[in-house]
Amino acid sequence: MGLGLLLTPPAQAACAGPAGQLRAIGPGAWWLPAASGDSDAINRGATANLWALRQGRSLWLVGGAGTPVLARQVACLLREAGAGRVTDVILPWPHAELTLGARAFEGARLWVHADTAEAMRQRCPRCVERMAQRLGAAAADLGDDPIPRPTHVLHGAQGRVGPFDWWRLQRSDDTAVLALRWHGRALWSAHGLAWGDGPPDLRDGEALQLARSIDQLLARMSASARVLPEQGPWMTPVQLRRQRDELHQLVDAVDAALRRGDLVTDAPPAALSGRHPRQALNWQRTWSQREAALF
């Protein structure tokens, strides 16, 4: 059954804040759509899709929100929708917009992979500073100490936690992500790997690693699967394949330009330019990586 058949009108919650509208996507399942682009004072860090599932008396949330203010609104929206209190939060990768609100879910268990826990330990102080800069006038939403303290750590390449099957995949050599599937269902999440509103954000990723990870996801999916990306609407396997192919095209175009002796400041091929603001950043990022690899 396609996701479009499951969607119901947004929950009418009386919770003020930047999070937007909660959407029910089936019995015991909710989606909070993200704003596109970078965090700023207008969207206040609500730039990563969130997914909640009820399992018995537990309410599992994929993504911890970008600030404590945002997380408290998410908790309110879920209560108003009849979902109950968030008991468990999964942080799928060490990204500020998915982690820095997690502590505001009072009493909830915080789940991370061991690789993500270590990356958070190393990066979180810097990511708080960068997030504050992006938020500008809304930086106070972060509070005094937003860095989350994981309570439960996952190990290995795959497993089961709560209502989810999970797989550890790679965004880059030094950044792991958790891809999740609702056990027994065809709904997945692929934070840090897939974007439904344009090309992936490669600022701390690597194009070929993302393409390989998407291949691993596709190998496990049915044709009817639907995937929640970092930003944008739910995606189909066909859209994921297209994104994988575009990542390979990006690398091939950069390699060809390097072999011709082009400069990074030269315009990229027309097929790769002007389609989305992230594409120019991806060109520069991939250029620096492939230049080191080729020469």
C-alpha atoms as a PDB file:
ATOM      1  CA  MET A   1       0.000   0.000   0.000  1.00  0.00           C
ATOM      2  CA  GLY A   2       1.463   3.374  -1.002  1.00  0.00           C
ATOM      3  CA  LEU A   3       2.075   6.065   1.563  1.00  0.00           C
ATOM      4  CA  GLY A   4      -0.314   8.394  -0.230  1.00  0.00           C
ATOM      5  CA  LEU A   5      -3.161   6.059   0.724  1.00  0.00           C
ATOM      6  CA  LEU A   6      -2.212   6.295   4.398  1.00  0.00           C
ATOM      7  CA  LEU A   7      -1.892  10.035   4.844  1.00  0.00           C
ATOM      8  CA  THR A   8      -4.590  11.816   6.819  1.00  0.00           C
ATOM      9  CA  PRO A   9      -5.024  15.565   7.348  1.00  0.00           C
ATOM     10  CA  PRO A  10      -2.519  17.261   9.699  1.00  0.00           C
ATOM     11  CA  ALA A  11      -3.192  16.944  13.404  1.00  0.00           C
ATOM     12  CA  GLN A  12      -4.805  20.127  14.700  1.00  0.00           C
ATOM     13  CA  ALA A  13      -2.593  20.709  17.725  1.00  0.00           C
ATOM     14  CA  ALA A  14      -2.666  23.770  19.969  1.00  0.00           C
ATOM     15  CA  CYS A  15       1.116  23.722  20.444  1.00  0.00           C
ATOM     16  CA  ALA A  16       2.856  26.953  19.497  1.00  0.00           C
ATOM     17  CA  GLY A  17       6.311  26.797  17.927  1.00  0.00           C
ATOM     18  CA  PRO A  18       8.354  26.289  14.765  1.00  0.00           C
ATOM     19  CA  ALA A  19       7.771  22.572  14.137  1.00  0.00           C
ATOM     20  CA  GLY A  20       4.890  22.818  11.689  1.00  0.00           C
ATOM     21  CA  GLN A  21       2.080  20.286  11.308  1.00  0.00           C
ATOM     22  CA  LEU A  22       2.129  16.677  12.428  1.00  0.00           C
ATOM     23  CA  ARG A  23       0.723  14.172   9.926  1.00  0.00           C
ATOM     24  CA  ALA A  24      -0.712  10.749  10.715  1.00  0.00           C
ATOM     25  CA  ILE A  25       0.512   8.157   8.199  1.00  0.00           C
ATOM     26  CA  GLY A  26      -1.368   5.166   9.558  1.00  0.00           C
ATOM     27  CA  PRO A  27      -2.411   3.633  12.882  1.00  0.00           C
ATOM     28  CA  GLY A  28       0.237   4.458  15.470  1.00  0.00           C
ATOM     29  CA  ALA A  29       2.517   6.289  13.016  1.00  0.00           C
ATOM     30  CA  TRP A  30       3.213  10.006  12.524  1.00  0.00           C
ATOM     31  CA  TRP A  31       5.469  12.152  10.345  1.00  0.00           C
ATOM     32  CA  LEU A  32       6.611  15.715  11.031  1.00  0.00           C
ATOM     33  CA  PRO A  33       7.751  17.239   7.695  1.00  0.00           C
ATOM     34  CA  ALA A  34      10.908  19.343   7.662  1.00  0.00           C
ATOM     35  CA  ALA A  35      11.638  22.695   6.097  1.00  0.00           C
ATOM     36  CA  SER A  36      14.044  22.578   3.153  1.00  0.00           C
ATOM     37  CA  GLY A  37      17.474  24.183   3.193  1.00  0.00           C
ATOM     38  CA  ASP A  38      19.701  25.176   6.081  1.00  0.00           C
ATOM     39  CA  SER A  39      18.573  26.088   9.575  1.00  0.00           C
ATOM     40  CA  ASP A  40      17.968  29.784  10.136  1.00  0.00           C
ATOM     41  CA  ALA A  41      16.086  32.202  12.368  1.00  0.00           C
ATOM     42  CA  ILE A  42      12.864  31.596  10.412  1.00  0.00           C
ATOM     43  CA  ASN A  43      12.657  27.783  10.435  1.00  0.00           C
ATOM     44  CA  ARG A  44      14.487  27.648  13.809  1.00  0.00           C
ATOM     45  CA  GLY A  45      16.220  24.363  13.058  1.00  0.00           C
ATOM     46  CA  ALA A  46      13.187  22.373  11.910  1.00  0.00           C
ATOM     47  CA  THR A  47      15.072  21.080   8.844  1.00  0.00           C
ATOM     48  CA  ALA A  48      15.104  17.298   9.367  1.00  0.00           C
ATOM     49  CA  ASN A  49      12.115  15.004   8.956  1.00  0.00           C
ATOM     50  CA  LEU A  50      10.945  13.261  12.138  1.00  0.00           C
ATOM     51  CA  TRP A  51       9.073   9.957  12.349  1.00  0.00           C
ATOM     52  CA  ALA A  52       7.202   8.574  15.370  1.00  0.00           C
ATOM     53  CA  LEU A  53       5.876   5.034  15.893  1.00  0.00           C
ATOM     54  CA  ARG A  54       3.861   3.615  18.772  1.00  0.00           C
ATOM     55  CA  GLN A  55       4.747   0.124  20.016  1.00  0.00           C
ATOM     56  CA  GLY A  56       2.548  -0.963  22.898  1.00  0.00           C
ATOM     57  CA  ARG A  57       3.015   1.639  25.629  1.00  0.00           C
ATOM     58  CA  SER A  58       6.179   3.028  24.040  1.00  0.00           C
ATOM     59  CA  LEU A  59       6.425   5.900  21.557  1.00  0.00           C
ATOM     60  CA  TRP A  60       9.558   5.828  19.422  1.00  0.00           C
ATOM     61  CA  LEU A  61      10.833   8.946  17.663  1.00  0.00           C
ATOM     62  CA  VAL A  62      13.403   8.861  14.846  1.00  0.00           C
ATOM     63  CA  GLY A  63      15.361  12.097  15.190  1.00  0.00           C
ATOM     64  CA  GLY A  64      15.749  14.242  18.282  1.00  0.00           C
ATOM     65  CA  ALA A  65      14.921  17.644  16.706  1.00  0.00           C
ATOM     66  CA  GLY A  66      17.303  20.564  16.225  1.00  0.00           C
ATOM     67  CA  THR A  67      16.787  22.489  19.495  1.00  0.00           C
ATOM     68  CA  PRO A  68      15.146  21.901  22.890  1.00  0.00           C
ATOM     69  CA  VAL A  69      12.449  24.446  21.987  1.00  0.00           C
ATOM     70  CA  LEU A  70      11.630  22.491  18.846  1.00  0.00           C
ATOM     71  CA  ALA A  71      11.687  19.176  20.729  1.00  0.00           C
ATOM     72  CA  ARG A  72       9.244  20.426  23.342  1.00  0.00           C
ATOM     73  CA  GLN A  73       6.843  21.449  20.592  1.00  0.00           C
ATOM     74  CA  VAL A  74       7.209  18.041  18.909  1.00  0.00           C
ATOM     75  CA  ALA A  75       6.384  16.374  22.229  1.00  0.00           C
ATOM     76  CA  CYS A  76       3.318  18.616  22.566  1.00  0.00           C
ATOM     77  CA  LEU A  77       2.126  17.866  19.026  1.00  0.00           C
ATOM     78  CA  LEU A  78       2.389  14.127  19.624  1.00  0.00           C
ATOM     79  CA  ARG A  79       0.457  14.357  22.892  1.00  0.00           C
ATOM     80  CA  GLU A  80      -2.254  16.459  21.235  1.00  0.00           C
ATOM     81  CA  ALA A  81      -2.513  13.870  18.442  1.00  0.00           C
ATOM     82  CA  GLY A  82      -3.111  11.111  20.999  1.00  0.00           C
ATOM     83  CA  ALA A  83       0.285   9.484  20.470  1.00  0.00           C
ATOM     84  CA  GLY A  84       1.296   9.862  24.112  1.00  0.00           C
ATOM     85  CA  ARG A  85       4.682  10.663  25.645  1.00  0.00           C
ATOM     86  CA  VAL A  86       7.924  10.060  23.758  1.00  0.00           C
ATOM     87  CA  THR A  87       9.681   7.193  25.550  1.00  0.00           C
ATOM     88  CA  ASP A  88      12.515   6.451  23.106  1.00  0.00           C
ATOM     89  CA  VAL A  89      14.495   8.621  20.681  1.00  0.00           C
ATOM     90  CA  ILE A  90      16.816   7.250  17.979  1.00  0.00           C
ATOM     91  CA  LEU A  91      19.539   9.611  16.757  1.00  0.00           C
ATOM     92  CA  PRO A  92      20.385   8.247  13.277  1.00  0.00           C
ATOM     93  CA  TRP A  93      23.568  10.255  12.662  1.00  0.00           C
ATOM     94  CA  PRO A  94      25.608  13.036  14.338  1.00  0.00           C
ATOM     95  CA  HIS A  95      23.770  15.931  12.702  1.00  0.00           C
ATOM     96  CA  ALA A  96      22.828  18.971  14.801  1.00  0.00           C
ATOM     97  CA  GLU A  97      19.313  19.213  13.342  1.00  0.00           C
ATOM     98  CA  LEU A  98      18.595  15.639  14.487  1.00  0.00           C
ATOM     99  CA  THR A  99      20.325  15.630  17.864  1.00  0.00           C
ATOM    100  CA  LEU A 100      20.462  18.933  19.746  1.00  0.00           C
ATOM    101  CA  GLY A 101      16.873  18.813  20.960  1.00  0.00           C
ATOM    102  CA  ALA A 102      16.975  15.237  22.254  1.00  0.00           C
ATOM    103  CA  ARG A 103      17.525  16.052  25.925  1.00  0.00           C
ATOM    104  CA  ALA A 104      14.221  17.927  26.026  1.00  0.00           C
ATOM    105  CA  PHE A 105      12.288  14.644  25.757  1.00  0.00           C
ATOM    106  CA  GLU A 106      12.275  14.195  29.520  1.00  0.00           C
ATOM    107  CA  GLY A 107      12.713  10.628  30.707  1.00  0.00           C
ATOM    108  CA  ALA A 108      13.148   9.246  27.184  1.00  0.00           C
ATOM    109  CA  ARG A 109      15.852   6.739  26.379  1.00  0.00           C
ATOM    110  CA  LEU A 110      18.316   8.036  23.758  1.00  0.00           C
ATOM    111  CA  TRP A 111      19.541   5.393  21.310  1.00  0.00           C
ATOM    112  CA  VAL A 112      22.608   5.798  19.060  1.00  0.00           C
ATOM    113  CA  HIS A 113      25.040   3.548  17.267  1.00  0.00           C
ATOM    114  CA  ALA A 114      28.461   3.331  18.925  1.00  0.00           C
ATOM    115  CA  ASP A 115      30.051   5.112  15.940  1.00  0.00           C
ATOM    116  CA  THR A 116      27.554   7.957  16.215  1.00  0.00           C
ATOM    117  CA  ALA A 117      28.143   8.214  19.965  1.00  0.00           C
ATOM    118  CA  GLU A 118      31.864   8.663  19.373  1.00  0.00           C
ATOM    119  CA  ALA A 119      31.319  11.186  16.582  1.00  0.00           C
ATOM    120  CA  MET A 120      28.951  13.168  18.810  1.00  0.00           C
ATOM    121  CA  ARG A 121      31.534  13.189  21.596  1.00  0.00           C
ATOM    122  CA  GLN A 122      34.086  14.696  19.230  1.00  0.00           C
ATOM    123  CA  ARG A 123      31.862  17.042  17.206  1.00  0.00           C
ATOM    124  CA  CYS A 124      28.995  18.246  19.378  1.00  0.00           C
ATOM    125  CA  PRO A 125      30.763  21.234  20.969  1.00  0.00           C
ATOM    126  CA  ARG A 126      31.608  22.598  17.500  1.00  0.00           C
ATOM    127  CA  CYS A 127      28.213  21.728  16.033  1.00  0.00           C
ATOM    128  CA  VAL A 128      26.474  23.697  18.800  1.00  0.00           C
ATOM    129  CA  GLU A 129      28.530  26.759  17.839  1.00  0.00           C
ATOM    130  CA  ARG A 130      27.737  26.336  14.142  1.00  0.00           C
ATOM    131  CA  MET A 131      24.064  25.751  14.848  1.00  0.00           C
ATOM    132  CA  ALA A 132      23.905  28.937  16.934  1.00  0.00           C
ATOM    133  CA  GLN A 133      25.443  30.873  14.044  1.00  0.00           C
ATOM    134  CA  ARG A 134      22.868  29.485  11.610  1.00  0.00           C
ATOM    135  CA  LEU A 135      19.961  30.221  13.933  1.00  0.00           C
ATOM    136  CA  GLY A 136      21.040  33.823  14.441  1.00  0.00           C
ATOM    137  CA  ALA A 137      18.297  35.636  16.348  1.00  0.00           C
ATOM    138  CA  ALA A 138      16.811  32.274  17.365  1.00  0.00           C
ATOM    139  CA  ALA A 139      20.065  30.917  18.859  1.00  0.00           C
ATOM    140  CA  ALA A 140      18.561  31.159  22.357  1.00  0.00           C
ATOM    141  CA  ASP A 141      16.417  28.134  21.394  1.00  0.00           C
ATOM    142  CA  LEU A 142      19.508  25.990  22.044  1.00  0.00           C
ATOM    143  CA  GLY A 143      19.577  26.826  25.743  1.00  0.00           C
ATOM    144  CA  ASP A 144      22.665  26.490  27.903  1.00  0.00           C
ATOM    145  CA  ASP A 145      23.590  22.845  27.316  1.00  0.00           C
ATOM    146  CA  PRO A 146      21.817  21.084  24.436  1.00  0.00           C
ATOM    147  CA  ILE A 147      24.380  18.319  23.879  1.00  0.00           C
ATOM    148  CA  PRO A 148      22.556  14.977  24.333  1.00  0.00           C
ATOM    149  CA  ARG A 149      23.862  12.142  26.495  1.00  0.00           C
ATOM    150  CA  PRO A 150      23.005   8.793  24.875  1.00  0.00           C
ATOM    151  CA  THR A 151      21.646   6.220  27.314  1.00  0.00           C
ATOM    152  CA  HIS A 152      21.631   3.173  25.009  1.00  0.00           C
ATOM    153  CA  VAL A 153      24.295   2.278  22.426  1.00  0.00           C
ATOM    154  CA  LEU A 154      23.870  -0.078  19.464  1.00  0.00           C
ATOM    155  CA  HIS A 155      26.759  -2.142  18.120  1.00  0.00           C
ATOM    156  CA  GLY A 156      27.445  -4.023  14.922  1.00  0.00           C
ATOM    157  CA  ALA A 157      26.244  -3.776  11.325  1.00  0.00           C
ATOM    158  CA  GLN A 158      22.539  -4.482  11.777  1.00  0.00           C
ATOM    159  CA  GLY A 159      19.950  -5.380  14.376  1.00  0.00           C
ATOM    160  CA  ARG A 160      16.523  -4.748  15.836  1.00  0.00           C
ATOM    161  CA  VAL A 161      15.478  -2.016  18.282  1.00  0.00           C
ATOM    162  CA  GLY A 162      11.895  -1.359  19.327  1.00  0.00           C
ATOM    163  CA  PRO A 163       9.660  -1.419  16.225  1.00  0.00           C
ATOM    164  CA  PHE A 164      12.627  -1.011  13.847  1.00  0.00           C
ATOM    165  CA  ASP A 165      15.104  -3.166  11.992  1.00  0.00           C
ATOM    166  CA  TRP A 166      18.301  -1.166  11.533  1.00  0.00           C
ATOM    167  CA  TRP A 167      21.416  -1.179   9.360  1.00  0.00           C
ATOM    168  CA  ARG A 168      24.615   0.760   9.912  1.00  0.00           C
ATOM    169  CA  LEU A 169      25.681   2.406   6.638  1.00  0.00           C
ATOM    170  CA  GLN A 170      28.259   5.015   5.687  1.00  0.00           C
ATOM    171  CA  ARG A 171      27.769   8.630   4.703  1.00  0.00           C
ATOM    172  CA  SER A 172      31.530   9.057   4.475  1.00  0.00           C
ATOM    173  CA  ASP A 173      34.552   7.188   5.790  1.00  0.00           C
ATOM    174  CA  ASP A 174      34.193   8.860   9.191  1.00  0.00           C
ATOM    175  CA  THR A 175      30.405   9.257   9.464  1.00  0.00           C
ATOM    176  CA  ALA A 176      28.053   6.326   9.980  1.00  0.00           C
ATOM    177  CA  VAL A 177      24.272   6.519   9.706  1.00  0.00           C
ATOM    178  CA  LEU A 178      21.405   4.264  10.760  1.00  0.00           C
ATOM    179  CA  ALA A 179      18.877   3.290   8.123  1.00  0.00           C
ATOM    180  CA  LEU A 180      15.658   2.054   9.727  1.00  0.00           C
ATOM    181  CA  ARG A 181      12.725  -0.075   8.569  1.00  0.00           C
ATOM    182  CA  TRP A 182       9.447  -0.445  10.409  1.00  0.00           C
ATOM    183  CA  HIS A 183       9.573  -4.170  11.165  1.00  0.00           C
ATOM    184  CA  GLY A 184       7.209  -6.083   8.902  1.00  0.00           C
ATOM    185  CA  ARG A 185       6.275  -2.964   6.920  1.00  0.00           C
ATOM    186  CA  ALA A 186       7.564  -1.239   3.779  1.00  0.00           C
ATOM    187  CA  LEU A 187       8.316   2.103   5.440  1.00  0.00           C
ATOM    188  CA  TRP A 188      11.966   3.120   5.878  1.00  0.00           C
ATOM    189  CA  SER A 189      14.010   6.118   6.977  1.00  0.00           C
ATOM    190  CA  ALA A 190      17.337   7.120   5.424  1.00  0.00           C
ATOM    191  CA  HIS A 191      18.471  10.251   7.248  1.00  0.00           C
ATOM    192  CA  GLY A 192      21.865  11.447   6.073  1.00  0.00           C
ATOM    193  CA  LEU A 193      21.650   9.342   2.902  1.00  0.00           C
ATOM    194  CA  ALA A 194      18.644  10.555   0.906  1.00  0.00           C
ATOM    195  CA  TRP A 195      17.056  13.935   0.203  1.00  0.00           C
ATOM    196  CA  GLY A 196      13.606  14.191  -1.336  1.00  0.00           C
ATOM    197  CA  ASP A 197      13.784  17.908  -2.209  1.00  0.00           C
ATOM    198  CA  GLY A 198      16.910  17.848  -4.406  1.00  0.00           C
ATOM    199  CA  PRO A 199      20.439  16.410  -4.357  1.00  0.00           C
ATOM    200  CA  PRO A 200      21.939  15.174  -1.077  1.00  0.00           C
ATOM    201  CA  ASP A 201      23.906  17.583   1.071  1.00  0.00           C
ATOM    202  CA  LEU A 202      27.546  16.475   0.685  1.00  0.00           C
ATOM    203  CA  ARG A 203      29.192  19.089   2.890  1.00  0.00           C
ATOM    204  CA  ASP A 204      30.436  16.397   5.259  1.00  0.00           C
ATOM    205  CA  GLY A 205      29.680  13.415   3.038  1.00  0.00           C
ATOM    206  CA  GLU A 206      31.238  11.620   0.092  1.00  0.00           C
ATOM    207  CA  ALA A 207      29.356  10.950  -3.116  1.00  0.00           C
ATOM    208  CA  LEU A 208      30.541   7.406  -3.818  1.00  0.00           C
ATOM    209  CA  GLN A 209      29.983   6.333  -0.208  1.00  0.00           C
ATOM    210  CA  LEU A 210      26.422   7.640  -0.356  1.00  0.00           C
ATOM    211  CA  ALA A 211      25.854   5.853  -3.673  1.00  0.00           C
ATOM    212  CA  ARG A 212      27.114   2.562  -2.220  1.00  0.00           C
ATOM    213  CA  SER A 213      24.920   2.952   0.857  1.00  0.00           C
ATOM    214  CA  ILE A 214      21.873   3.694  -1.288  1.00  0.00           C
ATOM    215  CA  ASP A 215      22.653   0.524  -3.263  1.00  0.00           C
ATOM    216  CA  GLN A 216      22.659  -1.444  -0.014  1.00  0.00           C
ATOM    217  CA  LEU A 217      19.289   0.034   0.911  1.00  0.00           C
ATOM    218  CA  LEU A 218      17.796  -0.734  -2.492  1.00  0.00           C
ATOM    219  CA  ALA A 219      18.967  -4.352  -2.282  1.00  0.00           C
ATOM    220  CA  ARG A 220      16.787  -4.817   0.823  1.00  0.00           C
ATOM    221  CA  MET A 221      13.687  -2.938  -0.360  1.00  0.00           C
ATOM    222  CA  SER A 222      10.551  -4.106  -2.098  1.00  0.00           C
ATOM    223  CA  ALA A 223       9.215  -2.152  -5.047  1.00  0.00           C
ATOM    224  CA  SER A 224       6.420  -0.831  -2.821  1.00  0.00           C
ATOM    225  CA  ALA A 225       8.792   0.609  -0.194  1.00  0.00           C
ATOM    226  CA  ARG A 226       8.591   4.248   0.849  1.00  0.00           C
ATOM    227  CA  VAL A 227      11.598   6.016   2.356  1.00  0.00           C
ATOM    228  CA  LEU A 228      11.675   9.053   4.642  1.00  0.00           C
ATOM    229  CA  PRO A 229      14.662  11.201   3.606  1.00  0.00           C
ATOM    230  CA  GLU A 230      16.479  13.913   5.548  1.00  0.00           C
ATOM    231  CA  GLN A 231      14.379  16.611   3.857  1.00  0.00           C
ATOM    232  CA  GLY A 232      11.508  16.513   1.419  1.00  0.00           C
ATOM    233  CA  PRO A 233       8.601  14.068   0.991  1.00  0.00           C
ATOM    234  CA  TRP A 234       8.718  10.287   1.214  1.00  0.00           C
ATOM    235  CA  MET A 235      10.608   8.706  -1.681  1.00  0.00           C
ATOM    236  CA  THR A 236      10.145   5.613  -3.822  1.00  0.00           C
ATOM    237  CA  PRO A 237      12.889   3.125  -4.778  1.00  0.00           C
ATOM    238  CA  VAL A 238      12.807   4.613  -8.293  1.00  0.00           C
ATOM    239  CA  GLN A 239      13.635   8.053  -6.861  1.00  0.00           C
ATOM    240  CA  LEU A 240      16.422   6.547  -4.735  1.00  0.00           C
ATOM    241  CA  ARG A 241      17.951   4.919  -7.816  1.00  0.00           C
ATOM    242  CA  ARG A 242      17.804   8.233  -9.622  1.00  0.00           C
ATOM    243  CA  GLN A 243      19.613   9.930  -6.731  1.00  0.00           C
ATOM    244  CA  ARG A 244      22.263   7.196  -6.717  1.00  0.00           C
ATOM    245  CA  ASP A 245      22.783   7.602 -10.467  1.00  0.00           C
ATOM    246  CA  GLU A 246      23.113  11.372 -10.097  1.00  0.00           C
ATOM    247  CA  LEU A 247      25.825  10.894  -7.479  1.00  0.00           C
ATOM    248  CA  HIS A 248      27.786   8.728  -9.920  1.00  0.00           C
ATOM    249  CA  GLN A 249      27.242  11.330 -12.659  1.00  0.00           C
ATOM    250  CA  LEU A 250      28.605  14.026 -10.355  1.00  0.00           C
ATOM    251  CA  VAL A 251      31.786  12.042  -9.652  1.00  0.00           C
ATOM    252  CA  ASP A 252      32.259  11.194 -13.352  1.00  0.00           C
ATOM    253  CA  ALA A 253      31.852  14.859 -14.333  1.00  0.00           C
ATOM    254  CA  VAL A 254      34.348  16.026 -11.705  1.00  0.00           C
ATOM    255  CA  ASP A 255      36.878  13.368 -12.748  1.00  0.00           C
ATOM    256  CA  ALA A 256      36.544  14.378 -16.399  1.00  0.00           C
ATOM    257  CA  ALA A 257      37.061  18.049 -15.519  1.00  0.00           C
ATOM    258  CA  LEU A 258      40.149  17.238 -13.465  1.00  0.00           C
ATOM    259  CA  ARG A 259      41.669  15.202 -16.297  1.00  0.00           C
ATOM    260  CA  ARG A 260      41.046  18.077 -18.726  1.00  0.00           C
ATOM    261  CA  GLY A 261      42.879  20.423 -16.392  1.00  0.00           C
ATOM    262  CA  ASP A 262      39.813  22.541 -15.646  1.00  0.00           C
ATOM    263  CA  LEU A 263      39.719  24.797 -12.604  1.00  0.00           C
ATOM    264  CA  VAL A 264      37.306  24.336  -9.725  1.00  0.00           C
ATOM    265  CA  THR A 265      36.096  27.869 -10.423  1.00  0.00           C
ATOM    266  CA  ASP A 266      35.041  26.874 -13.958  1.00  0.00           C
ATOM    267  CA  ALA A 267      31.323  26.317 -14.428  1.00  0.00           C
ATOM    268  CA  PRO A 268      30.226  22.687 -13.994  1.00  0.00           C
ATOM    269  CA  PRO A 269      28.471  20.953 -16.886  1.00  0.00           C
ATOM    270  CA  ALA A 270      25.044  22.333 -17.681  1.00  0.00           C
ATOM    271  CA  ALA A 271      23.400  19.091 -16.586  1.00  0.00           C
ATOM    272  CA  LEU A 272      24.773  19.625 -13.070  1.00  0.00           C
ATOM    273  CA  SER A 273      24.376  23.375 -12.715  1.00  0.00           C
ATOM    274  CA  GLY A 274      21.454  25.510 -11.701  1.00  0.00           C
ATOM    275  CA  ARG A 275      19.189  22.678 -10.593  1.00  0.00           C
ATOM    276  CA  HIS A 276      19.450  23.232  -6.846  1.00  0.00           C
ATOM    277  CA  PRO A 277      21.518  25.424  -4.483  1.00  0.00           C
ATOM    278  CA  ARG A 278      23.174  22.319  -2.981  1.00  0.00           C
ATOM    279  CA  GLN A 279      24.603  21.280  -6.353  1.00  0.00           C
ATOM    280  CA  ALA A 280      27.284  23.990  -6.423  1.00  0.00           C
ATOM    281  CA  LEU A 281      28.426  23.020  -2.915  1.00  0.00           C
ATOM    282  CA  ASN A 282      28.442  19.357  -3.927  1.00  0.00           C
ATOM    283  CA  TRP A 283      30.583  20.147  -6.977  1.00  0.00           C
ATOM    284  CA  GLN A 284      33.183  21.927  -4.850  1.00  0.00           C
ATOM    285  CA  ARG A 285      33.169  19.258  -2.147  1.00  0.00           C
ATOM    286  CA  THR A 286      33.492  16.395  -4.626  1.00  0.00           C
ATOM    287  CA  TRP A 287      36.208  18.275  -6.525  1.00  0.00           C
ATOM    288  CA  SER A 288      38.429  18.530  -3.441  1.00  0.00           C
ATOM    289  CA  GLN A 289      37.905  14.844  -2.615  1.00  0.00           C
ATOM    290  CA  ARG A 290      38.476  13.532  -6.139  1.00  0.00           C
ATOM    291  CA  GLU A 291      41.497  15.785  -6.702  1.00  0.00           C
ATOM    292  CA  ALA A 292      43.168  14.170  -3.685  1.00  0.00           C
ATOM    293  CA  ALA A 293      42.169  10.684  -4.873  1.00  0.00           C
ATOM    294  CA  LEU A 294      43.272  11.113  -8.508  1.00  0.00           C
ATOM    295  CA  PHE A 295      46.471  13.046  -7.991  1.00  0.00           C
END
